[in-house]
Every structure is written in C-alpha cells, then in structure tokens.
C-alpha cells in the first residue's frame, strides 16, 4: 500500500448554527488521485478551504506525513507543500506567464531577480511535466487550457507535493481535457498526490484511484474507483436512486418565436463572429446549438438577448423586428437568459439571494410603491421564500450574499428568476456547467417543463450529450457558419461530429 501523505480526521466547520462540514474523515496517499465527490453545497469547497488554511476547523485534526499540523494561512499551506488550482483561476491578466509564476514566491524577495536563471528553472519544470506554456505571453493572449497549465506550474514551482484541482475540466475543450489527463498521469508517476474535485462521473472513473463521497457536509464512504460505477456513485452522492432521464421530443413546433435570416456579425472573425446565419425557433421547442466552444455561440446568445445587434440580415422576434434592440427591450418582450458566466453576467455577487431573485422586477407594482422609491420588503420576502423552496436553493438565509453560495445554488437563483418570468423565449448557455448530477438533472427537467408549457428554448452547451438529450432540433455552428440542421429524434451523431469539425 502507498504511504499516507495527508489525513484529515473528524473535521467539522460551523458557521453559526450551520455545519458546512461535520466529522469528515479524508486521507490521501502518495502518488494517487483521490476524488472528492458531492452535490453542490455538500461541503467539498469548505473542506478544501480548511486544508489550505483559509478557514480554521471548528473541530478535528490534520496530519501531513503522520505529523499533526495546524494550517493557519494559504502561505503556510504552500510551505507545507499544498497547492490549489481554483476553478476560477487566480492569475493577473495584465502580466506575463513568467511574472504570474514568480509573483509572490519566496525566491522573489529582495531588489533583484535573475530572470534567465528563473526562466530556465521554470522551463525545466514545464518540460518535466508536459506543461507547455509560452513564458513571455500575456495571460490575456493564451487559452483557458494554457492558463490552467500556468496555475499548475505555479503550484509546482512553489514545491507542491499535494495538488488540489477544483473542477479542472469545467471550461476546457475535449482536446485540453485529454492534455490534462496526460499531465495528471505524469504527476502521479513522479509521486505527486492529487485531490480531484469533479461532478463528471466518466472523468472521475478515468483519473481516480479512490473516491470519497460527501453528502450534506458529512462523509458517506470511500470507494475504490476500479470497483464502482457511475450509477453507484450518483446514487450515493444524492442519497437516492437516480434513473436515466429520457425526454420526449417535439415533432411539430408552433409559430416561430425567433428568426434569423442571413444574419452576420463581425463576419470576417472566425472565432468571434456570425456569417450569414439563418435559423428559427418555434414555440414550444428546444433548438440545440452544437459546436466546439468559440465558433460563434457566444455571439448568437448575445444577439438573442439583445446585447448586440446584427450588422446585416434580418432578426425577428415573434414575427417583428424588435422595437428596442437592448437587453431591457428584450426583457419586455419576455425573453429570459441563463448567461454564459453566472458570476459575471447572471448575478450581483455582493447582493443578497433575495435581491438577486427579484433583480428584474423591482420596479413592478408587486414589489415597489407607485413612485418606485421604496421596495415592499415583506412581499419580496414572501415571494422569494416560495422560490427558495420550489427551486431547492440551499442557503443559510435569503439575506446571504449570492457569491457565498455554491455554483449549483447560484445557478438555481438564475433559473428561478428567469423561469418565473414565464418567458416566451429562454436562452440557456452552458446551463449545467459545473453542476453536480442532481442539480444538472433539475435544470434539465426545468427546461423541458418550460418547453412543454410553450416556452421556446435556445440551448447552447459545450456538453454534446446534453445537446443530444434535450434538443428537438440541432444546428451545428463552425467558425460562425451554420454547417447543418438535424432532427433531435435519433440524431446522426457521426454526421454531427464531422460538421462540428467543419467537414
């Protein structure tokens, strides 16, 4: 058996009366990948924040190499050989890759650094682990996958023996995911240990030696990854059996709700424009957009939400050219939006859960007085309390800041706000990205329910299986052009895959 590197014993973390972790036991061996699996809000992030010294445990002990340690800050965690690559990267965009790697490192103290020597050390490290990066490139100039490699390299350069990877594949392309797997294999072969946090069952089984499942802040069990299945893990994670969802497909949609005729936007830009796009979404159908990220999907979503205007071609909403081409104008036309980046575009993080839930309707008579000067707080509290229960938004209080919630619960706030507006058109961009299996199922069921009530849904997702499972029709975008249209019933997967590659 491999030597034990880390042991967390009886860890509890309490916030007031609420237990985020309760008596959690977790250990990691040298040279293994140990996955931490659980629903959004199960306590994974809290446990890792205890490990890296951001939080102090209310009870329990941490042992490294068999020695009891007290980790009082992230800087101390780094000294002890613990590094974390967060889901949202902690990089300074205005700086180069090299500057980010040495930033704040203990060797940087003093007036001068020797860039040539330091670059040589970093390049040797990058070659050793297959972490190919361009040291002199600005962070803004490199891909998301390359930014992740910078974060891993930064942790290794600081001497990390134990690496925490938090949702590492959430924003990566399929090719970048394969590259990450190779890096993980190399790290393991060099004796490094990895705590892997993920919701994707297939990748958990692919990379893990062992899997520990958390539910409601407590340890459920630890499994050998080679002796379990996706179904078993999913059932343990949510505490009940979750059967596979099979959704009915719509054959004949209603009248077009949104229509694009030869629409172009930044036509010459391959990975940031639209070129002569023609499509329509009928009432009560889900139109899925398939394609590798960065082939015009973001621009299509922004167009459908009124954020940008076509440079040429015709855009019709309910058969008419929109009177006001703006997000607010489209909201008035009953268009709802689950945006690409929930933190940047979907929520105001410093506002409460309650205020985020009524963000789009605070000036309505229901929630404010005739002058719009005073909010009807009691009415808002009653309304948002019902939404919290209906959409299973797990928070300590409706007055809690939205940014303090897990990703799944943040997404449920957006979903509740947008669907309760009873939209004619719902734009859903990566609606389940970063969500656990239970929250994912809930979001998908909610979209199907909205469709069955007559809502049209524009679904844009990097999850190909999600597009196949939910879409009544599928359109493939490549470099801003429509490559083909396919029925959602028995879709030709091979043909769609080739179209996604531009063939």
Protein backbone atom coordinates (compact mmCIF):
# COMPACT_ATOMS: atom_id res chain seq x y z
CA UNK A 1 0.00 0.00 0.00
CA UNK A 2 1.17 3.52 -0.80
CA UNK A 3 2.39 5.73 2.03
CA UNK A 4 -0.18 8.08 3.55
CA UNK A 5 0.57 11.73 2.77
CA UNK A 6 -2.45 13.51 4.26
CA UNK A 7 -5.09 12.64 6.83
CA UNK A 8 -7.98 14.89 7.83
CA UNK A 9 -9.63 13.44 10.91
CA UNK A 10 -13.03 14.39 12.34
CA UNK A 11 -13.08 17.78 10.57
CA UNK A 12 -16.07 19.98 11.37
CA UNK A 13 -16.65 23.55 10.25
CA UNK A 14 -19.52 25.51 11.70
CA UNK A 15 -20.91 28.88 10.61
CA UNK A 16 -23.27 29.96 13.37
CA UNK A 17 -25.74 27.09 13.76
CA UNK A 18 -24.96 25.70 10.28
CA UNK A 19 -22.48 22.84 9.77
CA UNK A 20 -20.75 23.03 6.37
CA UNK A 21 -18.63 20.01 7.40
CA UNK A 22 -19.44 17.61 10.22
CA UNK A 23 -16.94 14.99 11.40
CA UNK A 24 -15.38 14.48 7.94
CA UNK A 25 -12.61 11.90 7.52
CA UNK A 26 -10.45 12.07 4.39
CA UNK A 27 -6.96 10.86 3.51
CA UNK A 28 -4.63 10.95 0.50
CA UNK A 29 -1.77 8.58 -0.27
CA UNK A 30 1.48 9.46 -2.02
CA UNK A 31 1.19 9.18 -5.82
CA UNK A 32 -2.59 8.79 -6.00
CA UNK A 33 -5.56 10.74 -7.33
CA UNK A 34 -8.25 10.86 -4.66
CA UNK A 35 -11.51 12.40 -5.89
CA UNK A 36 -13.83 14.36 -3.64
CA UNK A 37 -17.36 13.91 -4.98
CA UNK A 38 -20.58 15.51 -3.80
CA UNK A 39 -23.51 17.70 -4.77
CA UNK A 40 -23.13 21.47 -4.94
CA UNK A 41 -23.18 22.59 -1.31
CA UNK A 42 -22.08 19.18 0.03
CA UNK A 43 -19.06 20.76 1.75
CA UNK A 44 -16.22 19.99 -0.69
CA UNK A 45 -15.01 23.58 -1.05
CA UNK A 46 -15.26 24.22 2.70
CA UNK A 47 -13.15 21.12 3.42
CA UNK A 48 -10.50 22.25 0.92
CA UNK A 49 -10.56 25.80 2.35
CA UNK A 50 -9.80 24.25 5.74
CA UNK A 51 -6.92 22.29 4.19
CA UNK A 52 -5.33 25.36 2.57
CA UNK A 53 -5.72 27.49 5.69
CA UNK A 54 -8.46 29.87 4.52
CA UNK A 55 -10.72 28.53 7.28
CA UNK A 56 -9.86 27.16 10.69
CA UNK A 57 -11.76 23.95 11.57
CA UNK A 58 -14.29 24.10 14.42
CA UNK A 59 -13.12 20.59 15.37
CA UNK A 60 -10.77 17.90 14.05
CA UNK A 61 -7.10 17.49 13.15
CA UNK A 62 -4.90 17.49 10.03
CA UNK A 63 -1.82 15.24 9.65
CA UNK A 64 0.89 15.50 6.97
CA UNK A 65 3.36 12.60 6.71
CA UNK A 66 1.94 11.39 10.04
CA UNK A 67 2.71 14.67 11.84
CA UNK A 68 -0.11 16.81 13.22
CA UNK A 69 -0.13 20.29 11.64
CA UNK A 70 -2.09 23.50 12.16
CA UNK A 71 -2.52 25.32 8.86
CA UNK A 72 -3.29 28.94 9.66
CA UNK A 73 -2.96 30.56 6.21
CA UNK A 74 -2.64 29.73 2.49
CA UNK A 75 1.01 30.86 2.66
CA UNK A 76 1.64 28.23 5.33
CA UNK A 77 -0.14 25.59 3.21
CA UNK A 78 2.27 26.41 0.35
CA UNK A 79 5.24 26.00 2.70
CA UNK A 80 3.87 22.59 3.68
CA UNK A 81 3.72 21.55 0.01
CA UNK A 82 0.00 22.01 -0.62
CA UNK A 83 -1.07 23.84 -3.81
CA UNK A 84 -4.54 24.55 -5.16
CA UNK A 85 -5.72 25.29 -8.69
CA UNK A 86 -9.07 27.02 -8.23
CA UNK A 87 -11.97 26.65 -10.68
CA UNK A 88 -11.73 30.39 -11.38
CA UNK A 89 -8.03 30.99 -11.99
CA UNK A 90 -6.09 33.36 -9.74
CA UNK A 91 -3.95 34.99 -12.42
CA UNK A 92 -3.10 38.66 -13.05
CA UNK A 93 -4.24 39.16 -16.65
CA UNK A 94 -2.06 42.23 -17.33
CA UNK A 95 1.10 40.24 -16.51
CA UNK A 96 3.02 37.62 -18.47
CA UNK A 97 3.03 33.90 -17.72
CA UNK A 98 6.53 34.20 -16.21
CA UNK A 99 5.56 37.13 -13.99
CA UNK A 100 2.50 35.24 -12.72
CA UNK A 101 4.55 32.17 -11.84
CA UNK A 102 7.16 34.07 -9.79
CA UNK A 103 4.68 36.57 -8.29
CA UNK A 104 4.79 36.38 -4.51
CA UNK A 105 7.25 33.49 -4.49
CA UNK A 106 9.72 33.47 -1.59
CA UNK A 107 12.67 33.48 -4.03
CA UNK A 108 11.43 36.84 -5.41
CA UNK A 109 12.22 38.74 -2.22
CA UNK A 110 14.89 41.37 -2.49
CA UNK A 111 15.55 44.05 -5.03
CA UNK A 112 16.67 41.90 -7.95
CA UNK A 113 15.71 38.63 -9.59
CA UNK A 114 17.69 36.69 -12.17
CA UNK A 115 15.08 36.20 -14.92
CA UNK A 116 17.31 33.98 -17.10
CA UNK A 117 18.01 31.53 -14.29
CA UNK A 118 14.40 31.60 -13.11
CA UNK A 119 13.06 31.03 -16.63
CA UNK A 120 15.42 28.09 -17.08
CA UNK A 121 14.15 26.52 -13.83
CA UNK A 122 10.51 27.01 -14.89
CA UNK A 123 11.13 25.64 -18.42
CA UNK A 124 12.81 22.54 -16.97
CA UNK A 125 9.80 22.03 -14.73
CA UNK A 126 7.35 22.55 -17.62
CA UNK A 127 9.20 20.03 -19.83
CA UNK A 128 9.33 17.52 -16.99
CA UNK A 129 5.55 17.51 -16.53
CA UNK A 130 4.40 18.31 -20.07
CA UNK A 131 3.14 21.75 -19.04
CA UNK A 132 3.78 23.60 -22.28
CA UNK A 133 3.42 27.35 -21.83
CA UNK A 134 4.82 30.47 -23.50
CA UNK A 135 6.57 32.31 -20.65
CA UNK A 136 6.61 35.73 -22.30
CA UNK A 137 2.95 35.71 -23.40
CA UNK A 138 0.39 37.82 -21.57
CA UNK A 139 -2.32 35.88 -19.74
CA UNK A 140 -4.94 37.56 -21.96
CA UNK A 141 -3.21 36.10 -25.03
CA UNK A 142 -3.37 32.41 -24.03
CA UNK A 143 -6.20 29.86 -24.00
CA UNK A 144 -8.09 28.69 -20.91
CA UNK A 145 -6.23 25.36 -21.05
CA UNK A 146 -2.88 27.19 -21.10
CA UNK A 147 -3.97 29.35 -18.15
CA UNK A 148 -4.71 26.19 -16.20
CA UNK A 149 -1.24 24.85 -17.01
CA UNK A 150 0.21 28.13 -15.68
CA UNK A 151 -1.68 27.61 -12.40
CA UNK A 152 -0.38 24.03 -12.10
CA UNK A 153 3.16 25.15 -12.94
CA UNK A 154 2.92 27.97 -10.38
CA UNK A 155 1.95 25.45 -7.67
CA UNK A 156 4.72 23.01 -8.63
CA UNK A 157 7.30 25.83 -8.73
CA UNK A 158 6.40 26.61 -5.14
CA UNK A 159 7.13 22.99 -4.20
CA UNK A 160 3.66 21.42 -4.12
CA UNK A 161 3.61 17.70 -3.30
CA UNK A 162 -0.17 17.68 -2.94
CA UNK A 163 -2.19 19.44 -5.66
CA UNK A 164 -5.89 20.27 -5.32
CA UNK A 165 -7.65 20.54 -8.69
CA UNK A 166 -11.09 22.15 -8.29
CA UNK A 167 -13.42 21.37 -11.23
CA UNK A 168 -10.38 21.35 -13.54
CA UNK A 169 -12.22 20.42 -16.76
CA UNK A 170 -15.21 22.79 -16.39
CA UNK A 171 -14.07 25.28 -19.05
CA UNK A 172 -11.75 23.07 -21.15
CA UNK A 173 -12.24 21.75 -24.69
CA UNK A 174 -12.10 17.96 -25.26
CA UNK A 175 -8.53 18.23 -26.56
CA UNK A 176 -7.47 20.24 -23.49
CA UNK A 177 -9.13 17.67 -21.20
CA UNK A 178 -7.04 14.89 -22.81
CA UNK A 179 -3.94 17.05 -22.25
CA UNK A 180 -4.88 17.46 -18.58
CA UNK A 181 -5.21 13.68 -18.19
CA UNK A 182 -1.67 13.26 -19.54
CA UNK A 183 -0.38 15.86 -17.06
CA UNK A 184 -2.13 14.07 -14.17
CA UNK A 185 -0.58 10.73 -15.22
CA UNK A 186 2.87 12.35 -15.30
CA UNK A 187 2.37 13.95 -11.87
CA UNK A 188 1.31 10.59 -10.40
CA UNK A 189 4.32 8.82 -11.92
CA UNK A 190 6.57 11.41 -10.21
CA UNK A 191 4.95 10.63 -6.83
CA UNK A 192 2.78 13.75 -6.62
CA UNK A 193 -0.66 13.39 -5.00
CA UNK A 194 -3.83 14.98 -6.35
CA UNK A 195 -7.17 15.82 -4.78
CA UNK A 196 -9.56 15.96 -7.73
CA UNK A 197 -12.91 17.74 -7.35
CA UNK A 198 -15.40 16.99 -10.11
CA UNK A 199 -19.04 16.27 -10.91
CA UNK A 200 -18.39 14.34 -14.13
CA UNK A 201 -18.66 10.62 -13.45
CA UNK A 202 -16.80 9.46 -16.53
CA UNK A 203 -13.74 11.57 -15.79
CA UNK A 204 -13.84 10.60 -12.10
CA UNK A 205 -13.64 6.92 -13.06
CA UNK A 206 -10.94 7.73 -15.64
CA UNK A 207 -8.47 9.56 -13.38
CA UNK A 208 -9.16 8.37 -9.81
CA UNK A 209 -7.60 5.72 -7.61
CA UNK A 210 -10.16 6.31 -4.86
CA UNK A 211 -13.33 8.37 -4.47
CA UNK A 212 -14.70 9.86 -1.24
CA UNK A 213 -18.33 10.95 -1.35
CA UNK A 214 -19.66 13.84 0.75
CA UNK A 215 -23.34 14.48 1.33
CA UNK A 216 -24.77 17.36 3.38
CA UNK A 217 -21.32 18.06 4.84
CA UNK A 218 -20.67 14.50 6.04
CA UNK A 219 -18.58 11.60 4.71
CA UNK A 220 -20.75 8.92 3.11
CA UNK A 221 -18.00 6.45 2.13
CA UNK A 222 -14.70 5.97 0.29
CA UNK A 223 -14.69 3.70 -2.78
CA UNK A 224 -12.04 2.07 -4.95
CA UNK A 225 -12.58 3.71 -8.36
CA UNK A 226 -11.85 0.42 -10.14
CA UNK A 227 -14.66 -1.34 -8.27
CA UNK A 228 -17.55 1.09 -8.63
CA UNK A 229 -19.81 2.51 -11.34
CA UNK A 230 -21.16 5.93 -12.31
CA UNK A 231 -24.65 4.85 -11.21
CA UNK A 232 -23.49 3.70 -7.76
CA UNK A 233 -21.57 6.95 -7.17
CA UNK A 234 -24.52 9.08 -8.32
CA UNK A 235 -26.94 7.27 -6.02
CA UNK A 236 -24.60 7.61 -3.01
CA UNK A 237 -23.99 11.26 -3.81
CA UNK A 238 -27.65 12.30 -3.82
CA UNK A 239 -28.90 9.71 -1.33
CA UNK A 240 -31.43 8.09 -3.65
CA UNK A 241 -31.56 6.15 -6.88
CA UNK A 242 -31.45 8.39 -9.94
CA UNK A 243 -32.73 6.68 -13.08
CA UNK A 244 -31.60 7.86 -16.50
CA UNK A 245 -33.77 10.63 -17.94
CA UNK A 246 -35.32 10.06 -21.37
CA UNK A 247 -37.11 13.13 -22.70
CA UNK A 248 -39.89 13.19 -25.28
CA UNK A 249 -39.01 15.07 -28.47
CA UNK A 250 -41.29 17.63 -30.12
CA UNK A 251 -42.13 16.81 -33.76
CA UNK A 252 -44.09 19.89 -34.81
CA UNK A 253 -43.28 23.16 -33.02
CA UNK A 254 -45.56 26.21 -33.06
CA UNK A 255 -45.09 29.51 -34.87
CA UNK A 256 -41.54 30.94 -34.95
CA UNK A 257 -40.70 32.94 -31.82
CA UNK A 258 -37.23 33.97 -33.01
CA UNK A 259 -35.98 34.01 -36.59
CA UNK A 260 -32.61 34.92 -38.13
CA UNK A 261 -32.32 35.43 -41.90
CA UNK A 262 -28.76 35.72 -43.30
CA UNK A 263 -27.58 37.41 -40.10
CA UNK A 264 -23.93 38.43 -39.87
CA UNK A 265 -21.93 39.98 -37.04
CA UNK A 266 -18.17 40.58 -37.33
CA UNK A 267 -18.35 38.31 -40.36
CA UNK A 268 -14.60 38.12 -41.00
CA UNK A 269 -13.76 36.93 -37.47
CA UNK A 270 -13.59 33.12 -37.49
CA UNK A 271 -13.90 32.54 -33.76
CA UNK A 272 -15.90 35.57 -32.68
CA UNK A 273 -18.47 36.27 -35.32
CA UNK A 274 -21.51 35.05 -37.26
CA UNK A 275 -21.65 34.64 -41.03
CA UNK A 276 -24.98 34.58 -42.91
CA UNK A 277 -26.76 32.59 -40.17
CA UNK A 278 -30.31 31.50 -40.94
CA UNK A 279 -32.32 29.68 -38.26
CA UNK A 280 -35.61 29.78 -36.40
CA UNK A 281 -37.03 28.55 -33.10
CA UNK A 282 -40.69 27.59 -32.96
CA UNK A 283 -43.00 27.96 -29.96
CA UNK A 284 -42.54 25.06 -27.54
CA UNK A 285 -39.33 23.54 -28.90
CA UNK A 286 -35.71 23.32 -27.84
CA UNK A 287 -33.20 24.26 -30.52
CA UNK A 288 -29.77 22.94 -29.56
CA UNK A 289 -26.60 24.56 -30.88
CA UNK A 290 -23.75 22.06 -31.22
CA UNK A 291 -20.16 23.09 -31.83
CA UNK A 292 -16.77 23.43 -30.24
CA UNK A 293 -16.65 26.47 -27.90
CA UNK A 294 -15.65 29.69 -29.67
CA UNK A 295 -17.39 29.16 -33.00
CA UNK A 296 -19.97 31.94 -32.73
CA UNK A 297 -22.13 30.53 -29.92
CA UNK A 298 -21.46 33.47 -27.58
CA UNK A 299 -22.37 35.98 -30.30
CA UNK A 300 -25.58 34.09 -31.12
CA UNK A 301 -26.58 34.12 -27.44
CA UNK A 302 -25.82 37.85 -27.13
CA UNK A 303 -27.84 38.55 -30.27
CA UNK A 304 -30.82 36.56 -28.95
CA UNK A 305 -30.66 38.51 -25.66
CA UNK A 306 -30.44 41.92 -27.34
CA UNK A 307 -26.89 42.62 -26.16
CA UNK A 308 -25.55 43.04 -29.71
CA UNK A 309 -27.27 43.92 -32.99
CA UNK A 310 -26.81 42.20 -36.39
CA UNK A 311 -24.55 44.08 -38.79
CA UNK A 312 -26.55 42.66 -41.71
CA UNK A 313 -29.53 40.38 -42.26
CA UNK A 314 -32.92 40.26 -40.53
CA UNK A 315 -33.67 39.42 -36.88
CA UNK A 316 -37.32 38.83 -35.95
CA UNK A 317 -38.87 38.31 -32.54
CA UNK A 318 -42.46 36.97 -32.67
CA UNK A 319 -42.56 37.89 -36.36
CA UNK A 320 -41.46 41.50 -35.90
CA UNK A 321 -38.22 43.47 -35.84
CA UNK A 322 -37.69 44.34 -32.12
CA UNK A 323 -38.77 47.89 -31.29
CA UNK A 324 -35.85 48.32 -28.89
CA UNK A 325 -32.69 46.28 -29.54
CA UNK A 326 -31.35 46.14 -25.98
CA UNK A 327 -31.37 43.66 -23.08
CA UNK A 328 -34.09 45.67 -21.33
CA UNK A 329 -36.16 45.83 -24.52
CA UNK A 330 -35.90 42.05 -24.91
CA UNK A 331 -36.88 41.50 -21.26
CA UNK A 332 -40.05 43.49 -22.03
CA UNK A 333 -40.60 41.04 -24.93
CA UNK A 334 -40.49 38.15 -22.40
CA UNK A 335 -37.01 36.89 -23.27
CA UNK A 336 -35.19 35.24 -20.34
CA UNK A 337 -31.49 34.46 -20.20
CA UNK A 338 -29.30 31.92 -18.38
CA UNK A 339 -25.98 33.55 -19.32
CA UNK A 340 -22.61 32.02 -20.15
CA UNK A 341 -20.86 33.26 -17.00
CA UNK A 342 -23.18 33.22 -13.99
CA UNK A 343 -20.88 35.33 -11.83
CA UNK A 344 -20.10 37.98 -14.45
CA UNK A 345 -23.48 38.24 -16.18
CA UNK A 346 -26.10 36.40 -14.15
CA UNK A 347 -25.71 37.53 -10.54
CA UNK A 348 -24.66 40.53 -8.49
CA UNK A 349 -22.43 38.66 -6.05
CA UNK A 350 -22.47 41.27 -3.29
CA UNK A 351 -26.27 41.44 -3.30
CA UNK A 352 -28.42 39.05 -1.28
CA UNK A 353 -30.07 35.90 -2.60
CA UNK A 354 -33.39 37.69 -2.12
CA UNK A 355 -32.41 40.75 -4.19
CA UNK A 356 -30.93 38.62 -6.98
CA UNK A 357 -34.21 36.70 -7.24
CA UNK A 358 -36.21 39.90 -7.89
CA UNK A 359 -33.46 41.75 -9.78
CA UNK A 360 -35.50 42.13 -12.99
CA UNK A 361 -38.83 43.14 -11.43
CA UNK A 362 -38.07 45.52 -8.54
CA UNK A 363 -39.86 48.36 -10.36
CA UNK A 364 -43.10 46.36 -10.70
CA UNK A 365 -46.15 47.33 -8.62
CA UNK A 366 -45.89 43.97 -6.90
CA UNK A 367 -42.55 44.80 -5.26
CA UNK A 368 -42.34 48.63 -5.09
CA UNK A 369 -44.59 51.57 -4.36
CA UNK A 370 -46.18 53.77 -7.03
CA UNK A 371 -43.14 56.09 -7.17
CA UNK A 372 -40.68 53.19 -7.29
CA UNK A 373 -38.81 54.71 -4.35
CA UNK A 374 -39.50 52.07 -1.71
CA UNK A 375 -39.39 48.29 -2.02
CA UNK A 376 -42.14 46.18 -0.47
CA UNK A 377 -39.76 44.06 1.57
CA UNK A 378 -42.45 41.87 3.14
CA UNK A 379 -43.88 40.95 -0.27
CA UNK A 380 -40.38 40.29 -1.63
CA UNK A 381 -39.57 38.07 1.38
CA UNK A 382 -42.77 36.01 0.93
CA UNK A 383 -42.20 35.62 -2.82
CA UNK A 384 -38.50 34.70 -2.61
CA UNK A 385 -39.20 32.27 0.27
CA UNK A 386 -41.53 30.35 -2.02
CA UNK A 387 -38.91 30.35 -4.81
CA UNK A 388 -36.25 29.10 -2.40
CA UNK A 389 -38.45 26.12 -1.56
CA UNK A 390 -39.67 25.48 -5.13
CA UNK A 391 -36.18 25.54 -6.69
CA UNK A 392 -34.41 23.95 -3.69
CA UNK A 393 -31.97 26.87 -3.26
CA UNK A 394 -29.77 25.80 -0.37
CA UNK A 395 -28.61 28.78 1.64
CA UNK A 396 -28.40 29.73 5.31
CA UNK A 397 -30.60 32.78 4.71
CA UNK A 398 -32.20 34.73 1.87
CA UNK A 399 -30.15 37.67 3.18
CA UNK A 400 -26.90 35.79 2.48
CA UNK A 401 -24.70 37.29 -0.28
CA UNK A 402 -25.12 35.33 -3.52
CA UNK A 403 -21.35 35.00 -4.05
CA UNK A 404 -21.07 32.86 -0.87
CA UNK A 405 -23.26 30.09 -2.35
CA UNK A 406 -22.06 27.04 -4.26
CA UNK A 407 -22.14 27.15 -8.07
CA UNK A 408 -25.21 24.92 -8.24
CA UNK A 409 -27.20 27.11 -5.89
CA UNK A 410 -26.13 30.26 -7.73
CA UNK A 411 -27.40 28.66 -10.94
CA UNK A 412 -30.71 27.82 -9.25
CA UNK A 413 -31.15 31.51 -8.32
CA UNK A 414 -30.75 32.46 -12.00
CA UNK A 415 -33.02 29.62 -13.13
CA UNK A 416 -35.75 30.61 -10.63
CA UNK A 417 -35.61 34.29 -11.62
CA UNK A 418 -35.64 33.62 -15.36
CA UNK A 419 -38.29 30.88 -15.45
CA UNK A 420 -40.66 32.60 -13.03
CA UNK A 421 -40.85 35.45 -15.55
CA UNK A 422 -42.80 32.94 -17.72
CA UNK A 423 -40.72 33.71 -20.84
CA UNK A 424 -41.71 33.16 -24.45
CA UNK A 425 -38.01 32.54 -25.22
CA UNK A 426 -35.35 31.18 -22.87
CA UNK A 427 -31.68 31.46 -23.84
CA UNK A 428 -29.72 28.82 -21.91
CA UNK A 429 -25.93 28.98 -22.34
CA UNK A 430 -23.96 26.16 -20.66
CA UNK A 431 -26.89 25.85 -18.20
CA UNK A 432 -25.39 22.93 -16.27
CA UNK A 433 -21.66 23.78 -16.43
CA UNK A 434 -20.01 22.99 -13.09
CA UNK A 435 -23.18 21.49 -11.61
CA UNK A 436 -23.46 18.14 -9.85
CA UNK A 437 -25.62 15.33 -11.20
CA UNK A 438 -28.64 16.21 -9.04
CA UNK A 439 -28.59 19.93 -9.91
CA UNK A 440 -27.95 19.09 -13.58
CA UNK A 441 -31.00 16.83 -13.67
CA UNK A 442 -33.09 19.55 -12.01
CA UNK A 443 -32.03 22.23 -14.53
CA UNK A 444 -32.70 19.92 -17.49
CA UNK A 445 -36.11 18.86 -16.16
CA UNK A 446 -36.99 22.54 -15.61
CA UNK A 447 -36.12 23.44 -19.22
CA UNK A 448 -38.20 20.54 -20.55
CA UNK A 449 -41.12 21.60 -18.30
CA UNK A 450 -40.84 25.19 -19.60
CA UNK A 451 -40.79 23.90 -23.20
CA UNK A 452 -43.91 21.78 -22.56
CA UNK A 453 -45.69 24.92 -21.32
CA UNK A 454 -44.96 26.63 -24.65
CA UNK A 455 -41.61 28.32 -23.99
CA UNK A 456 -39.04 28.25 -26.81
CA UNK A 457 -35.51 27.37 -25.69
CA UNK A 458 -32.23 28.24 -27.40
CA UNK A 459 -29.82 25.75 -25.83
CA UNK A 460 -26.08 26.39 -26.24
CA UNK A 461 -23.90 23.84 -24.49
CA UNK A 462 -20.36 22.51 -24.73
CA UNK A 463 -21.75 19.21 -23.36
CA UNK A 464 -22.56 17.28 -26.55
CA UNK A 465 -24.56 14.65 -24.63
CA UNK A 466 -26.73 17.44 -23.18
CA UNK A 467 -27.47 18.85 -26.63
CA UNK A 468 -28.40 15.36 -27.90
CA UNK A 469 -30.55 14.57 -24.88
CA UNK A 470 -32.59 17.78 -24.76
CA UNK A 471 -32.83 19.17 -28.29
CA UNK A 472 -35.84 18.78 -30.56
CA UNK A 473 -33.71 20.12 -33.41
CA UNK A 474 -29.94 20.56 -33.61
CA UNK A 475 -27.96 23.14 -35.56
CA UNK A 476 -24.17 22.94 -35.87
CA UNK A 477 -22.07 26.11 -35.85
CA UNK A 478 -18.49 26.16 -37.12
CA UNK A 479 -16.47 29.38 -37.45
CA UNK A 480 -19.72 31.34 -37.23
CA UNK A 481 -21.47 29.46 -40.05
CA UNK A 482 -24.38 27.00 -39.93
CA UNK A 483 -22.97 23.65 -41.08
CA UNK A 484 -26.20 21.66 -40.91
CA UNK A 485 -29.58 21.11 -39.27
CA UNK A 486 -30.64 17.77 -37.77
CA UNK A 487 -33.68 16.26 -36.07
CA UNK A 488 -33.35 15.69 -32.33
CA UNK A 489 -35.00 12.29 -32.76
CA UNK A 490 -32.32 9.66 -33.48
CA UNK A 491 -29.73 12.33 -34.44
CA UNK A 492 -26.88 11.17 -36.73
CA UNK A 493 -24.05 11.52 -34.20
CA UNK A 494 -21.22 10.78 -36.64
CA UNK A 495 -22.55 13.31 -39.15
CA UNK A 496 -22.99 15.97 -36.45
CA UNK A 497 -19.46 15.34 -35.11
CA UNK A 498 -17.97 15.83 -38.58
CA UNK A 499 -19.97 19.04 -39.04
CA UNK A 500 -18.62 20.32 -35.70
CA UNK A 501 -15.13 19.82 -37.12
CA UNK A 502 -16.05 21.80 -40.24
CA UNK A 503 -16.29 18.77 -42.52
